[in-house]
Amino acid sequence: MNSLLKSIFSVFILLPGLAFAVEHNHNHNHFNPKLELLANDIIGITVCYNNGFISDQQQEPAFVNLIEYTGVTGAELGMYYMNSLGKKAEQIMSDPDSSLLWHEAYCENLAANYLDLDELHDRAEQALATQGHHRTVLSPEIVKQDIERGRLLTIQ
C-alpha cells in the first residue's frame, strides 16, 4: 500500500512538469554540426531550385554530395530540413523581394560548389573559418534593399 501511495504521489508531482514540457513545443534536437554550418547553403539550393536557377539534374547530385560530405543519411538531411530550415526557406520563397536575392549568378556558383566534392569541401572549410558568415561583397543596391527591408542596420 505504501508503494502505491508513493507511485500516485509521484505521478501528481511529475504531471505538471510533463504538461509544461508538452506545451513548450520547442525542438532541442542537435543535428550534425557540418549540416548546421551549411544551413544557409541548403536553404540557398532550395530557393535557387524554386527560382529555376538550379535544375533537377543539378539539385539531386548536389544533395548527394552534401550527404556524402557531412556523413549523414538522406533521412537525417530531411529531418534537419523539416525541423530547422523548411520554414525559413518557405518564408523566403513566398516573398518575391527576398527570393530575388538568390539571383542566377549566385545560384550558378552555389551549384558548381556542390557538384564538385573538392569545391564543397573548400566551401565548408571557408564557412567553418567564418562561422557561416559569408564574406561576399554586396552591391550598393542590395545593401540599400536590405536596409529598407530591415535585414541590415545602417551604421552611423
C-alpha atoms as a PDB file:
ATOM      1  CA  MET A   1       0.000   0.000   0.000  1.00  0.00           C
ATOM      2  CA  ASN A   2       2.843   2.356   0.866  1.00  0.00           C
ATOM      3  CA  SER A   3       4.484   1.930  -2.565  1.00  0.00           C
ATOM      4  CA  LEU A   4       1.112   2.507  -4.270  1.00  0.00           C
ATOM      5  CA  LEU A   5       0.766   5.836  -2.459  1.00  0.00           C
ATOM      6  CA  LYS A   6       4.317   6.775  -3.433  1.00  0.00           C
ATOM      7  CA  SER A   7       3.568   5.978  -7.085  1.00  0.00           C
ATOM      8  CA  ILE A   8       0.383   8.043  -7.092  1.00  0.00           C
ATOM      9  CA  PHE A   9       2.143  10.895  -5.300  1.00  0.00           C
ATOM     10  CA  SER A  10       4.997  10.778  -7.851  1.00  0.00           C
ATOM     11  CA  VAL A  11       2.535  10.999 -10.742  1.00  0.00           C
ATOM     12  CA  PHE A  12       0.925  14.111  -9.248  1.00  0.00           C
ATOM     13  CA  ILE A  13       4.335  15.696  -8.705  1.00  0.00           C
ATOM     14  CA  LEU A  14       5.624  14.930 -12.223  1.00  0.00           C
ATOM     15  CA  LEU A  15       2.403  15.620 -14.144  1.00  0.00           C
ATOM     16  CA  PRO A  16       2.673  19.460 -14.169  1.00  0.00           C
ATOM     17  CA  GLY A  17       6.265  19.261 -15.409  1.00  0.00           C
ATOM     18  CA  LEU A  18       5.268  16.856 -18.156  1.00  0.00           C
ATOM     19  CA  ALA A  19       2.363  19.102 -19.190  1.00  0.00           C
ATOM     20  CA  PHE A  20       4.726  22.085 -19.340  1.00  0.00           C
ATOM     21  CA  ALA A  21       7.214  20.154 -21.460  1.00  0.00           C
ATOM     22  CA  VAL A  22       4.497  19.108 -23.911  1.00  0.00           C
ATOM     23  CA  GLU A  23       3.175  22.680 -24.225  1.00  0.00           C
ATOM     24  CA  HIS A  24       6.691  24.097 -24.555  1.00  0.00           C
ATOM     25  CA  ASN A  25       6.795  22.623 -28.088  1.00  0.00           C
ATOM     26  CA  HIS A  26      10.395  23.597 -28.748  1.00  0.00           C
ATOM     27  CA  ASN A  27      12.799  21.392 -30.629  1.00  0.00           C
ATOM     28  CA  HIS A  28      16.022  20.742 -28.742  1.00  0.00           C
ATOM     29  CA  ASN A  29      17.443  18.389 -31.356  1.00  0.00           C
ATOM     30  CA  HIS A  30      21.033  18.933 -32.297  1.00  0.00           C
ATOM     31  CA  PHE A  31      21.985  17.828 -35.744  1.00  0.00           C
ATOM     32  CA  ASN A  32      25.291  17.124 -37.414  1.00  0.00           C
ATOM     33  CA  PRO A  33      27.499  20.224 -36.975  1.00  0.00           C
ATOM     34  CA  LYS A  34      28.513  20.130 -40.645  1.00  0.00           C
ATOM     35  CA  LEU A  35      24.848  20.297 -41.645  1.00  0.00           C
ATOM     36  CA  GLU A  36      24.219  23.164 -39.262  1.00  0.00           C
ATOM     37  CA  LEU A  37      27.227  25.026 -40.639  1.00  0.00           C
ATOM     38  CA  LEU A  38      25.939  24.676 -44.208  1.00  0.00           C
ATOM     39  CA  ALA A  39      22.338  25.621 -43.359  1.00  0.00           C
ATOM     40  CA  ASN A  40      22.404  28.809 -45.454  1.00  0.00           C
ATOM     41  CA  ASP A  41      23.620  26.841 -48.459  1.00  0.00           C
ATOM     42  CA  ILE A  42      20.899  24.229 -48.010  1.00  0.00           C
ATOM     43  CA  ILE A  43      18.288  26.990 -47.977  1.00  0.00           C
ATOM     44  CA  GLY A  44      20.059  28.566 -50.957  1.00  0.00           C
ATOM     45  CA  ILE A  45      19.903  25.373 -53.010  1.00  0.00           C
ATOM     46  CA  THR A  46      16.186  25.117 -52.255  1.00  0.00           C
ATOM     47  CA  VAL A  47      15.453  28.755 -53.158  1.00  0.00           C
ATOM     48  CA  CYS A  48      17.641  28.580 -56.282  1.00  0.00           C
ATOM     49  CA  TYR A  49      15.787  25.437 -57.378  1.00  0.00           C
ATOM     50  CA  ASN A  50      12.451  27.138 -56.747  1.00  0.00           C
ATOM     51  CA  ASN A  51      13.605  30.185 -58.755  1.00  0.00           C
ATOM     52  CA  GLY A  52      14.571  27.930 -61.669  1.00  0.00           C
ATOM     53  CA  PHE A  53      18.316  28.571 -61.430  1.00  0.00           C
ATOM     54  CA  ILE A  54      19.192  25.019 -60.338  1.00  0.00           C
ATOM     55  CA  SER A  55      17.804  22.107 -62.344  1.00  0.00           C
ATOM     56  CA  ASP A  56      16.714  18.656 -61.193  1.00  0.00           C
ATOM     57  CA  GLN A  57      19.930  17.326 -62.747  1.00  0.00           C
ATOM     58  CA  GLN A  58      21.944  19.687 -60.518  1.00  0.00           C
ATOM     59  CA  GLN A  59      19.908  19.552 -57.324  1.00  0.00           C
ATOM     60  CA  GLU A  60      19.977  15.793 -56.817  1.00  0.00           C
ATOM     61  CA  PRO A  61      23.774  15.347 -57.130  1.00  0.00           C
ATOM     62  CA  ALA A  62      24.304  18.493 -55.046  1.00  0.00           C
ATOM     63  CA  PHE A  63      22.354  16.936 -52.178  1.00  0.00           C
ATOM     64  CA  VAL A  64      24.043  13.556 -52.717  1.00  0.00           C
ATOM     65  CA  ASN A  65      27.425  15.306 -52.364  1.00  0.00           C
ATOM     66  CA  LEU A  66      26.180  17.167 -49.285  1.00  0.00           C
ATOM     67  CA  ILE A  67      25.103  13.856 -47.731  1.00  0.00           C
ATOM     68  CA  GLU A  68      28.464  12.287 -48.560  1.00  0.00           C
ATOM     69  CA  TYR A  69      30.445  15.259 -47.238  1.00  0.00           C
ATOM     70  CA  THR A  70      28.525  15.532 -43.956  1.00  0.00           C
ATOM     71  CA  GLY A  71      28.281  11.789 -43.376  1.00  0.00           C
ATOM     72  CA  VAL A  72      24.535  11.843 -42.750  1.00  0.00           C
ATOM     73  CA  THR A  73      21.754   9.835 -44.334  1.00  0.00           C
ATOM     74  CA  GLY A  74      19.125  11.255 -46.630  1.00  0.00           C
ATOM     75  CA  ALA A  75      16.601  10.810 -43.825  1.00  0.00           C
ATOM     76  CA  GLU A  76      18.777  12.837 -41.436  1.00  0.00           C
ATOM     77  CA  LEU A  77      19.106  15.615 -44.004  1.00  0.00           C
ATOM     78  CA  GLY A  78      15.336  15.569 -44.489  1.00  0.00           C
ATOM     79  CA  MET A  79      14.690  15.762 -40.741  1.00  0.00           C
ATOM     80  CA  TYR A  80      17.144  18.624 -40.367  1.00  0.00           C
ATOM     81  CA  TYR A  81      15.474  20.495 -43.220  1.00  0.00           C
ATOM     82  CA  MET A  82      11.971  19.917 -41.847  1.00  0.00           C
ATOM     83  CA  ASN A  83      12.870  20.780 -38.241  1.00  0.00           C
ATOM     84  CA  SER A  84      15.234  23.680 -38.801  1.00  0.00           C
ATOM     85  CA  LEU A  85      15.239  25.104 -42.317  1.00  0.00           C
ATOM     86  CA  GLY A  86      11.959  24.461 -44.106  1.00  0.00           C
ATOM     87  CA  LYS A  87      10.029  27.311 -42.515  1.00  0.00           C
ATOM     88  CA  LYS A  88      12.743  29.856 -43.372  1.00  0.00           C
ATOM     89  CA  ALA A  89      13.028  28.571 -46.956  1.00  0.00           C
ATOM     90  CA  GLU A  90       9.243  28.774 -47.402  1.00  0.00           C
ATOM     91  CA  GLN A  91       9.254  32.304 -45.995  1.00  0.00           C
ATOM     92  CA  ILE A  92      11.941  33.386 -48.472  1.00  0.00           C
ATOM     93  CA  MET A  93      10.274  31.684 -51.431  1.00  0.00           C
ATOM     94  CA  SER A  94       6.885  33.230 -50.641  1.00  0.00           C
ATOM     95  CA  ASP A  95       8.348  36.764 -50.605  1.00  0.00           C
ATOM     96  CA  PRO A  96       9.216  37.788 -54.182  1.00  0.00           C
ATOM     97  CA  ASP A  97      11.594  40.512 -52.978  1.00  0.00           C
ATOM     98  CA  SER A  98      13.525  38.167 -50.674  1.00  0.00           C
ATOM     99  CA  SER A  99      13.616  35.450 -53.289  1.00  0.00           C
ATOM    100  CA  LEU A 100      15.334  37.842 -55.722  1.00  0.00           C
ATOM    101  CA  LEU A 101      18.429  37.938 -53.509  1.00  0.00           C
ATOM    102  CA  TRP A 102      19.176  34.406 -54.743  1.00  0.00           C
ATOM    103  CA  HIS A 103      19.993  35.511 -58.275  1.00  0.00           C
ATOM    104  CA  GLU A 104      21.253  33.466 -61.217  1.00  0.00           C
ATOM    105  CA  ALA A 105      24.981  34.161 -60.721  1.00  0.00           C
ATOM    106  CA  TYR A 106      24.822  33.243 -57.025  1.00  0.00           C
ATOM    107  CA  CYS A 107      22.906  30.060 -57.813  1.00  0.00           C
ATOM    108  CA  GLU A 108      25.336  29.032 -60.559  1.00  0.00           C
ATOM    109  CA  ASN A 109      28.241  29.441 -58.146  1.00  0.00           C
ATOM    110  CA  LEU A 110      26.417  27.550 -55.405  1.00  0.00           C
ATOM    111  CA  ALA A 111      25.545  24.678 -57.744  1.00  0.00           C
ATOM    112  CA  ALA A 112      29.119  24.498 -59.059  1.00  0.00           C
ATOM    113  CA  ASN A 113      30.436  24.300 -55.488  1.00  0.00           C
ATOM    114  CA  TYR A 114      28.085  21.486 -54.536  1.00  0.00           C
ATOM    115  CA  LEU A 115      28.545  19.466 -57.724  1.00  0.00           C
ATOM    116  CA  ASP A 116      32.289  19.110 -57.064  1.00  0.00           C
ATOM    117  CA  LEU A 117      33.214  17.418 -53.765  1.00  0.00           C
ATOM    118  CA  ASP A 118      36.561  19.232 -53.569  1.00  0.00           C
ATOM    119  CA  GLU A 119      34.868  22.602 -54.009  1.00  0.00           C
ATOM    120  CA  LEU A 120      32.208  21.621 -51.470  1.00  0.00           C
ATOM    121  CA  HIS A 121      34.954  20.743 -49.005  1.00  0.00           C
ATOM    122  CA  ASP A 122      36.653  24.117 -49.630  1.00  0.00           C
ATOM    123  CA  ARG A 123      33.340  25.975 -49.253  1.00  0.00           C
ATOM    124  CA  ALA A 124      32.605  24.165 -45.985  1.00  0.00           C
ATOM    125  CA  GLU A 125      36.083  24.948 -44.664  1.00  0.00           C
ATOM    126  CA  GLN A 126      35.534  28.614 -45.524  1.00  0.00           C
ATOM    127  CA  ALA A 127      32.163  28.536 -43.742  1.00  0.00           C
ATOM    128  CA  LEU A 128      33.858  26.993 -40.711  1.00  0.00           C
ATOM    129  CA  ALA A 129      36.537  29.689 -40.733  1.00  0.00           C
ATOM    130  CA  THR A 130      33.914  32.440 -40.923  1.00  0.00           C
ATOM    131  CA  GLN A 131      31.351  30.576 -38.782  1.00  0.00           C
ATOM    132  CA  GLY A 132      28.818  30.735 -41.593  1.00  0.00           C
ATOM    133  CA  HIS A 133      29.129  34.473 -42.196  1.00  0.00           C
ATOM    134  CA  HIS A 134      29.910  34.755 -45.870  1.00  0.00           C
ATOM    135  CA  ARG A 135      32.379  37.467 -46.758  1.00  0.00           C
ATOM    136  CA  THR A 136      30.875  38.327 -50.118  1.00  0.00           C
ATOM    137  CA  VAL A 137      30.855  41.877 -51.390  1.00  0.00           C
ATOM    138  CA  LEU A 138      27.315  43.155 -51.791  1.00  0.00           C
ATOM    139  CA  SER A 139      26.389  45.711 -54.396  1.00  0.00           C
ATOM    140  CA  PRO A 140      25.177  49.095 -53.115  1.00  0.00           C
ATOM    141  CA  GLU A 141      21.702  48.278 -54.482  1.00  0.00           C
ATOM    142  CA  ILE A 142      21.488  45.053 -52.471  1.00  0.00           C
ATOM    143  CA  VAL A 143      22.706  46.806 -49.313  1.00  0.00           C
ATOM    144  CA  LYS A 144      20.118  49.563 -49.820  1.00  0.00           C
ATOM    145  CA  GLN A 145      17.348  46.982 -50.302  1.00  0.00           C
ATOM    146  CA  ASP A 146      18.448  45.069 -47.213  1.00  0.00           C
ATOM    147  CA  ILE A 147      18.463  48.245 -45.122  1.00  0.00           C
ATOM    148  CA  GLU A 148      14.994  49.179 -46.402  1.00  0.00           C
ATOM    149  CA  ARG A 149      13.674  45.711 -45.558  1.00  0.00           C
ATOM    150  CA  GLY A 150      15.235  45.800 -42.104  1.00  0.00           C
ATOM    151  CA  ARG A 151      17.729  42.987 -42.701  1.00  0.00           C
ATOM    152  CA  LEU A 152      20.706  45.311 -42.252  1.00  0.00           C
ATOM    153  CA  LEU A 153      21.081  48.295 -39.990  1.00  0.00           C
ATOM    154  CA  THR A 154      22.732  51.456 -41.193  1.00  0.00           C
ATOM    155  CA  ILE A 155      25.977  52.309 -39.457  1.00  0.00           C
ATOM    156  CA  GLN A 156      26.202  55.942 -38.442  1.00  0.00           C
END
